[in-house]
């Protein structure tokens, strides 16, 4: 993947301003394609964000060739979080759209170190079996959408 001299950016995006050095951050990692820094509104101690240097508002807008470098950086930083924080567990998450809780519209991965019983995120999903007929219809619709791509 060739690197352009200046990554695509959105002049109003807080993360683009961090990448450009216009806003400070507590940087923990940087490479050719990504930067990782401490979340200034942490959900848990050690909460880190990993972003591409290029501006892409969400996962659906991300180019395929940039997903690998972002996930590789996420894994590398997650390993460092595990080593330095010694958490009981870790969540990695990424939100797309307001309804999903996205507040900064620049693709980013959250690394959340977890402690047993910290109550940071609900783990109640998966406690109730889904309706198999509905699951079958949803799977068929997804296979059709994938075939059209």
C-alpha atoms as a PDB file:
ATOM      1  CA  UNK A   1       0.000   0.000   0.000  1.00  0.00           C
ATOM      2  CA  UNK A   2       1.609   3.265  -1.115  1.00  0.00           C
ATOM      3  CA  UNK A   3       1.623   6.075   1.389  1.00  0.00           C
ATOM      4  CA  UNK A   4       0.537   9.500   0.229  1.00  0.00           C
ATOM      5  CA  UNK A   5       2.487  12.511   1.555  1.00  0.00           C
ATOM      6  CA  UNK A   6      -0.582  13.725   3.476  1.00  0.00           C
ATOM      7  CA  UNK A   7      -3.260  11.266   4.523  1.00  0.00           C
ATOM      8  CA  UNK A   8      -6.852  12.023   3.528  1.00  0.00           C
ATOM      9  CA  UNK A   9      -8.392  14.013   6.343  1.00  0.00           C
ATOM     10  CA  UNK A  10     -11.482  15.843   7.493  1.00  0.00           C
ATOM     11  CA  UNK A  11     -10.645  19.345   8.772  1.00  0.00           C
ATOM     12  CA  UNK A  12     -13.303  19.074  11.504  1.00  0.00           C
ATOM     13  CA  UNK A  13     -12.362  15.574  12.708  1.00  0.00           C
ATOM     14  CA  UNK A  14     -10.718  15.488  16.142  1.00  0.00           C
ATOM     15  CA  UNK A  15      -8.778  12.333  15.233  1.00  0.00           C
ATOM     16  CA  UNK A  16      -7.498  13.906  12.004  1.00  0.00           C
ATOM     17  CA  UNK A  17      -6.299  16.841  14.112  1.00  0.00           C
ATOM     18  CA  UNK A  18      -4.446  14.411  16.396  1.00  0.00           C
ATOM     19  CA  UNK A  19      -2.818  12.698  13.377  1.00  0.00           C
ATOM     20  CA  UNK A  20      -1.776  16.119  12.005  1.00  0.00           C
ATOM     21  CA  UNK A  21      -0.257  17.122  15.358  1.00  0.00           C
ATOM     22  CA  UNK A  22      -2.765  19.944  15.809  1.00  0.00           C
ATOM     23  CA  UNK A  23      -4.149  18.410  19.020  1.00  0.00           C
ATOM     24  CA  UNK A  24      -2.190  16.594  21.731  1.00  0.00           C
ATOM     25  CA  UNK A  25      -2.664  12.967  22.687  1.00  0.00           C
ATOM     26  CA  UNK A  26      -1.053  10.392  24.943  1.00  0.00           C
ATOM     27  CA  UNK A  27       0.399   8.363  22.082  1.00  0.00           C
ATOM     28  CA  UNK A  28       1.400   4.776  22.750  1.00  0.00           C
ATOM     29  CA  UNK A  29       2.144   3.541  19.219  1.00  0.00           C
ATOM     30  CA  UNK A  30       2.611   4.871  15.709  1.00  0.00           C
ATOM     31  CA  UNK A  31       3.537   3.245  12.436  1.00  0.00           C
ATOM     32  CA  UNK A  32       3.187   4.093   8.756  1.00  0.00           C
ATOM     33  CA  UNK A  33      -0.594   3.623   8.683  1.00  0.00           C
ATOM     34  CA  UNK A  34      -1.844   3.878  12.266  1.00  0.00           C
ATOM     35  CA  UNK A  35      -1.615   5.711  15.538  1.00  0.00           C
ATOM     36  CA  UNK A  36      -2.745   4.494  18.973  1.00  0.00           C
ATOM     37  CA  UNK A  37      -3.412   6.727  21.956  1.00  0.00           C
ATOM     38  CA  UNK A  38      -5.133   6.764  25.316  1.00  0.00           C
ATOM     39  CA  UNK A  39      -8.865   7.506  25.238  1.00  0.00           C
ATOM     40  CA  UNK A  40      -9.406  10.788  27.118  1.00  0.00           C
ATOM     41  CA  UNK A  41     -12.826   9.497  28.239  1.00  0.00           C
ATOM     42  CA  UNK A  42     -11.741   6.011  29.317  1.00  0.00           C
ATOM     43  CA  UNK A  43     -14.333   3.335  30.011  1.00  0.00           C
ATOM     44  CA  UNK A  44     -11.681   1.501  32.036  1.00  0.00           C
ATOM     45  CA  UNK A  45      -8.081   2.163  33.095  1.00  0.00           C
ATOM     46  CA  UNK A  46      -5.800   1.517  30.117  1.00  0.00           C
ATOM     47  CA  UNK A  47      -8.482   2.206  27.458  1.00  0.00           C
ATOM     48  CA  UNK A  48      -6.655   2.756  24.145  1.00  0.00           C
ATOM     49  CA  UNK A  49      -7.880   3.798  20.693  1.00  0.00           C
ATOM     50  CA  UNK A  50      -6.237   2.610  17.468  1.00  0.00           C
ATOM     51  CA  UNK A  51      -6.987   4.622  14.316  1.00  0.00           C
ATOM     52  CA  UNK A  52      -5.833   4.736  10.720  1.00  0.00           C
ATOM     53  CA  UNK A  53      -3.985   7.922   9.853  1.00  0.00           C
ATOM     54  CA  UNK A  54      -6.253   8.310   6.824  1.00  0.00           C
ATOM     55  CA  UNK A  55      -9.777   9.580   7.454  1.00  0.00           C
ATOM     56  CA  UNK A  56     -12.505   7.007   6.918  1.00  0.00           C
ATOM     57  CA  UNK A  57     -15.724   7.599   8.871  1.00  0.00           C
ATOM     58  CA  UNK A  58     -16.509   3.970   9.753  1.00  0.00           C
ATOM     59  CA  UNK A  59     -15.877   0.324   8.943  1.00  0.00           C
ATOM     60  CA  UNK A  60     -18.085   0.460   5.849  1.00  0.00           C
ATOM     61  CA  UNK A  61     -15.888   3.209   4.379  1.00  0.00           C
ATOM     62  CA  UNK A  62     -12.565   1.538   5.206  1.00  0.00           C
ATOM     63  CA  UNK A  63     -10.507   0.260   2.246  1.00  0.00           C
ATOM     64  CA  UNK A  64      -9.689  -3.433   2.496  1.00  0.00           C
ATOM     65  CA  UNK A  65      -5.935  -2.839   2.294  1.00  0.00           C
ATOM     66  CA  UNK A  66      -5.993  -0.645   5.414  1.00  0.00           C
ATOM     67  CA  UNK A  67      -7.926  -3.068   7.629  1.00  0.00           C
ATOM     68  CA  UNK A  68      -4.946  -5.407   7.997  1.00  0.00           C
ATOM     69  CA  UNK A  69      -2.550  -2.723   9.263  1.00  0.00           C
ATOM     70  CA  UNK A  70      -5.177  -1.405  11.709  1.00  0.00           C
ATOM     71  CA  UNK A  71      -5.868  -4.869  13.109  1.00  0.00           C
ATOM     72  CA  UNK A  72      -2.147  -5.681  13.319  1.00  0.00           C
ATOM     73  CA  UNK A  73      -1.582  -2.469  15.303  1.00  0.00           C
ATOM     74  CA  UNK A  74      -4.613  -3.257  17.462  1.00  0.00           C
ATOM     75  CA  UNK A  75      -3.205  -6.687  18.297  1.00  0.00           C
ATOM     76  CA  UNK A  76       0.245  -5.288  19.035  1.00  0.00           C
ATOM     77  CA  UNK A  77      -1.159  -2.621  21.370  1.00  0.00           C
ATOM     78  CA  UNK A  78      -3.539  -5.150  22.978  1.00  0.00           C
ATOM     79  CA  UNK A  79      -0.537  -7.366  23.774  1.00  0.00           C
ATOM     80  CA  UNK A  80       1.171  -4.366  25.397  1.00  0.00           C
ATOM     81  CA  UNK A  81      -1.996  -3.543  27.359  1.00  0.00           C
ATOM     82  CA  UNK A  82      -2.136  -7.142  28.593  1.00  0.00           C
ATOM     83  CA  UNK A  83       1.526  -7.014  29.607  1.00  0.00           C
ATOM     84  CA  UNK A  84       1.408  -3.615  31.301  1.00  0.00           C
ATOM     85  CA  UNK A  85      -2.082  -3.697  32.848  1.00  0.00           C
ATOM     86  CA  UNK A  86      -2.487  -7.386  33.683  1.00  0.00           C
ATOM     87  CA  UNK A  87      -6.252  -7.303  33.109  1.00  0.00           C
ATOM     88  CA  UNK A  88      -8.542 -10.267  33.738  1.00  0.00           C
ATOM     89  CA  UNK A  89      -9.817  -9.901  30.176  1.00  0.00           C
ATOM     90  CA  UNK A  90     -10.073  -7.471  27.318  1.00  0.00           C
ATOM     91  CA  UNK A  91     -12.745  -6.203  24.934  1.00  0.00           C
ATOM     92  CA  UNK A  92     -12.006  -4.975  21.446  1.00  0.00           C
ATOM     93  CA  UNK A  93     -14.827  -3.066  19.875  1.00  0.00           C
ATOM     94  CA  UNK A  94     -15.681  -0.752  17.042  1.00  0.00           C
ATOM     95  CA  UNK A  95     -18.942   1.189  16.574  1.00  0.00           C
ATOM     96  CA  UNK A  96     -20.593   2.330  13.336  1.00  0.00           C
ATOM     97  CA  UNK A  97     -23.192   5.087  13.493  1.00  0.00           C
ATOM     98  CA  UNK A  98     -24.912   7.024  16.239  1.00  0.00           C
ATOM     99  CA  UNK A  99     -27.278   4.152  17.101  1.00  0.00           C
ATOM    100  CA  UNK A 100     -24.228   1.966  17.818  1.00  0.00           C
ATOM    101  CA  UNK A 101     -22.647   4.604  20.057  1.00  0.00           C
ATOM    102  CA  UNK A 102     -20.144   6.064  17.594  1.00  0.00           C
ATOM    103  CA  UNK A 103     -19.281   9.630  18.634  1.00  0.00           C
ATOM    104  CA  UNK A 104     -16.183  10.332  16.519  1.00  0.00           C
ATOM    105  CA  UNK A 105     -16.736   9.595  12.846  1.00  0.00           C
ATOM    106  CA  UNK A 106     -13.209   8.406  12.060  1.00  0.00           C
ATOM    107  CA  UNK A 107     -12.793   4.617  12.090  1.00  0.00           C
ATOM    108  CA  UNK A 108     -11.280   3.475  15.367  1.00  0.00           C
ATOM    109  CA  UNK A 109     -10.825   0.361  17.448  1.00  0.00           C
ATOM    110  CA  UNK A 110     -11.267   0.437  21.222  1.00  0.00           C
ATOM    111  CA  UNK A 111      -9.050  -1.716  23.430  1.00  0.00           C
ATOM    112  CA  UNK A 112     -10.686  -2.055  26.853  1.00  0.00           C
ATOM    113  CA  UNK A 113      -8.809  -3.832  29.614  1.00  0.00           C
ATOM    114  CA  UNK A 114     -11.356  -5.524  31.903  1.00  0.00           C
ATOM    115  CA  UNK A 115     -11.444  -6.581  35.523  1.00  0.00           C
ATOM    116  CA  UNK A 116     -13.847  -9.219  36.755  1.00  0.00           C
ATOM    117  CA  UNK A 117     -17.031  -7.527  37.947  1.00  0.00           C
ATOM    118  CA  UNK A 118     -16.069  -4.051  36.698  1.00  0.00           C
ATOM    119  CA  UNK A 119     -19.492  -3.571  35.084  1.00  0.00           C
ATOM    120  CA  UNK A 120     -17.999  -1.651  32.142  1.00  0.00           C
ATOM    121  CA  UNK A 121     -19.962  -3.468  29.418  1.00  0.00           C
ATOM    122  CA  UNK A 122     -22.910  -5.777  29.679  1.00  0.00           C
ATOM    123  CA  UNK A 123     -22.193  -9.390  28.918  1.00  0.00           C
ATOM    124  CA  UNK A 124     -25.882 -10.322  28.855  1.00  0.00           C
ATOM    125  CA  UNK A 125     -25.989 -10.973  25.098  1.00  0.00           C
ATOM    126  CA  UNK A 126     -26.189 -14.616  24.163  1.00  0.00           C
ATOM    127  CA  UNK A 127     -28.189 -15.635  27.239  1.00  0.00           C
ATOM    128  CA  UNK A 128     -31.363 -16.321  25.227  1.00  0.00           C
ATOM    129  CA  UNK A 129     -31.488 -18.582  22.184  1.00  0.00           C
ATOM    130  CA  UNK A 130     -32.479 -16.931  18.917  1.00  0.00           C
ATOM    131  CA  UNK A 131     -35.419 -18.031  16.796  1.00  0.00           C
ATOM    132  CA  UNK A 132     -33.936 -20.508  14.304  1.00  0.00           C
ATOM    133  CA  UNK A 133     -36.411 -19.632  11.516  1.00  0.00           C
ATOM    134  CA  UNK A 134     -35.451 -15.946  11.859  1.00  0.00           C
ATOM    135  CA  UNK A 135     -31.750 -16.829  11.966  1.00  0.00           C
ATOM    136  CA  UNK A 136     -32.160 -18.873   8.778  1.00  0.00           C
ATOM    137  CA  UNK A 137     -33.905 -15.939   6.993  1.00  0.00           C
ATOM    138  CA  UNK A 138     -31.212 -13.508   8.144  1.00  0.00           C
ATOM    139  CA  UNK A 139     -28.433 -15.872   7.026  1.00  0.00           C
ATOM    140  CA  UNK A 140     -30.055 -16.270   3.594  1.00  0.00           C
ATOM    141  CA  UNK A 141     -30.350 -12.486   3.198  1.00  0.00           C
ATOM    142  CA  UNK A 142     -26.694 -12.050   4.186  1.00  0.00           C
ATOM    143  CA  UNK A 143     -25.518 -14.731   1.749  1.00  0.00           C
ATOM    144  CA  UNK A 144     -27.451 -12.934  -1.006  1.00  0.00           C
ATOM    145  CA  UNK A 145     -25.878  -9.571  -0.092  1.00  0.00           C
ATOM    146  CA  UNK A 146     -22.408 -11.147  -0.050  1.00  0.00           C
ATOM    147  CA  UNK A 147     -22.981 -12.755  -3.449  1.00  0.00           C
ATOM    148  CA  UNK A 148     -23.835  -9.323  -4.871  1.00  0.00           C
ATOM    149  CA  UNK A 149     -20.561  -7.776  -3.672  1.00  0.00           C
END
